[in-house]
Every structure is written in structure tokens, then in C-alpha cells.
Amino acid sequence: MISKKFGEDFNSTRGALTLDVSEVTDSDATGGVHTKTHADGWTITGEVHEDYYTWVNSFSATHPEYGTVAGDFEDEVTATSEEGFKHFWQHHRPTEWDYSNI
């Protein structure tokens, strides 16, 4: 298991670093926990937050080949392996945005 930390392993020049709602649902969800399986094999579960803007902080993701990636990109994310983290980051990179835009 590996661990990646905000401010050390990834950053946001705009403050927030969160998953887009489209990573966990195809609907216009405004709250609640949602799960979505992607064509690349990742199944991502996370709670949708809304305050003018919608986003996902804490999440868990599983892949049959790459294992698990879970956490919060504004804090800490753990992964089964470095390869799994890199694959997730490549295909589901979090969005940078500014909380003051809310």
C-alpha cells in the first residue's frame, strides 16, 4: 500500500483539488453517495457535495487489475500500488478550482 499527500505528491494552484461529479454519476446529482463504473475498468464511489458548484472529496475506486485507490485529494490518497495510482490519475485526474468561486 502506498500513500500520497496533498502538498507533497500533488497540489492545486487554485486551492481545491476534487473529483468531478461525472466520475461517480451520469446524472445531475446534487447530493448523496453515487457509484459509477467506467469503460477503463475503474469503479468509483463518492459523496456528491453541492454549494453552487458540485464536487466529490472523499472517494474509493477499485479496478480488477490495478487494485484500490481511495481518499481525498485535498488530504491523503492511498493506493494498492504506484502503478494503480498512476493509472487512476491518468484517467480520472482531479479538477483544480477555487473555493472562493462558490
Protein backbone atom coordinates (compact mmCIF):
# COMPACT_ATOMS: atom_id res chain seq x y z
CA MET A 1 0.00 0.00 0.00
CA ILE A 2 1.30 3.46 -0.87
CA SER A 3 0.24 6.87 0.39
CA LYS A 4 0.20 10.22 -1.45
CA LYS A 5 -0.30 13.54 0.31
CA PHE A 6 -1.70 16.89 -0.81
CA GLY A 7 1.07 19.48 -0.88
CA GLU A 8 3.77 16.85 -1.35
CA ASP A 9 2.72 14.49 -4.13
CA PHE A 10 0.02 16.62 -5.81
CA ASN A 11 -1.12 20.24 -5.50
CA SER A 12 -3.77 22.67 -6.63
CA THR A 13 -2.74 26.16 -7.63
CA ARG A 14 -6.36 27.21 -7.16
CA GLY A 15 -7.00 25.70 -3.70
CA ALA A 16 -9.45 22.88 -4.30
CA LEU A 17 -8.50 19.53 -5.80
CA THR A 18 -11.56 17.31 -6.12
CA LEU A 19 -13.09 14.72 -8.41
CA ASP A 20 -15.71 15.92 -10.84
CA VAL A 21 -19.23 14.62 -10.17
CA SER A 22 -19.14 12.88 -13.57
CA GLU A 23 -16.62 10.45 -12.05
CA VAL A 24 -19.36 8.96 -9.80
CA THR A 25 -22.60 9.50 -11.73
CA ASP A 26 -24.03 10.33 -15.15
CA SER A 27 -26.94 12.26 -13.59
CA ASP A 28 -27.07 15.87 -12.42
CA ALA A 29 -26.72 14.68 -8.83
CA THR A 30 -26.85 17.31 -6.12
CA GLY A 31 -26.02 15.11 -3.16
CA GLY A 32 -25.69 11.63 -1.79
CA VAL A 33 -23.34 8.74 -2.42
CA HIS A 34 -23.04 7.54 -6.01
CA THR A 35 -21.11 4.83 -7.84
CA LYS A 36 -20.08 4.65 -11.47
CA THR A 37 -18.15 2.03 -13.43
CA HIS A 38 -16.02 3.42 -16.26
CA ALA A 39 -15.03 1.78 -19.55
CA ASP A 40 -11.39 1.67 -18.36
CA GLY A 41 -12.39 -0.69 -15.51
CA TRP A 42 -12.42 1.74 -12.58
CA THR A 43 -15.50 1.72 -10.35
CA ILE A 44 -15.57 4.95 -8.35
CA THR A 45 -17.80 5.68 -5.34
CA GLY A 46 -18.04 9.08 -3.69
CA GLU A 47 -20.37 11.52 -1.98
CA VAL A 48 -21.50 14.48 -4.08
CA HIS A 49 -21.37 17.87 -2.34
CA GLU A 50 -23.15 20.95 -3.60
CA ASP A 51 -22.87 24.64 -2.79
CA TYR A 52 -23.44 26.42 -6.12
CA TYR A 53 -20.78 24.06 -7.52
CA THR A 54 -20.81 20.24 -7.22
CA TRP A 55 -17.78 18.12 -6.35
CA VAL A 56 -16.56 14.89 -4.74
CA ASN A 57 -13.97 14.96 -1.92
CA SER A 58 -13.66 11.51 -0.36
CA PHE A 59 -13.85 8.60 -2.77
CA SER A 60 -12.95 4.95 -3.20
CA ALA A 61 -12.13 3.33 -6.51
CA THR A 62 -11.45 -0.26 -7.45
CA HIS A 63 -10.06 -1.85 -10.59
CA PRO A 64 -9.71 -5.58 -11.36
CA GLU A 65 -6.07 -5.15 -12.45
CA TYR A 66 -4.83 -2.08 -10.53
CA GLY A 67 -6.49 -2.64 -7.15
CA THR A 68 -7.76 0.20 -4.99
CA VAL A 69 -7.26 3.97 -4.84
CA ALA A 70 -9.08 5.84 -2.08
CA GLY A 71 -9.02 9.02 -0.06
CA ASP A 72 -9.32 12.76 -0.60
CA PHE A 73 -7.07 14.68 -3.00
CA GLU A 74 -7.09 17.62 -0.57
CA ASP A 75 -5.58 15.42 2.15
CA GLU A 76 -4.28 11.91 1.55
CA VAL A 77 -4.88 9.20 -1.04
CA THR A 78 -3.81 5.58 -0.64
CA ALA A 79 -3.37 3.05 -3.41
CA THR A 80 -2.61 -0.63 -3.72
CA SER A 81 0.41 0.24 -5.88
CA GLU A 82 2.21 3.11 -7.57
CA GLU A 83 1.13 1.68 -10.93
CA GLY A 84 -2.52 1.72 -9.81
CA PHE A 85 -2.27 5.32 -8.58
CA LYS A 86 -0.66 6.45 -11.85
CA HIS A 87 -3.33 4.71 -13.94
CA PHE A 88 -6.12 6.27 -11.87
CA TRP A 89 -4.51 9.74 -12.05
CA GLN A 90 -4.06 9.42 -15.82
CA HIS A 91 -7.72 8.53 -16.43
CA HIS A 92 -9.52 10.29 -13.55
CA ARG A 93 -7.36 13.27 -12.67
CA PRO A 94 -8.99 15.57 -10.10
CA THR A 95 -10.13 19.07 -11.02
CA GLU A 96 -8.45 22.21 -9.70
CA TRP A 97 -10.82 25.01 -8.74
CA ASP A 98 -11.15 27.84 -6.25
CA TYR A 99 -13.45 27.57 -3.21
CA SER A 100 -13.96 31.36 -3.36
CA ASN A 101 -15.93 30.80 -6.60
CA ILE A 102 -18.77 29.33 -4.52
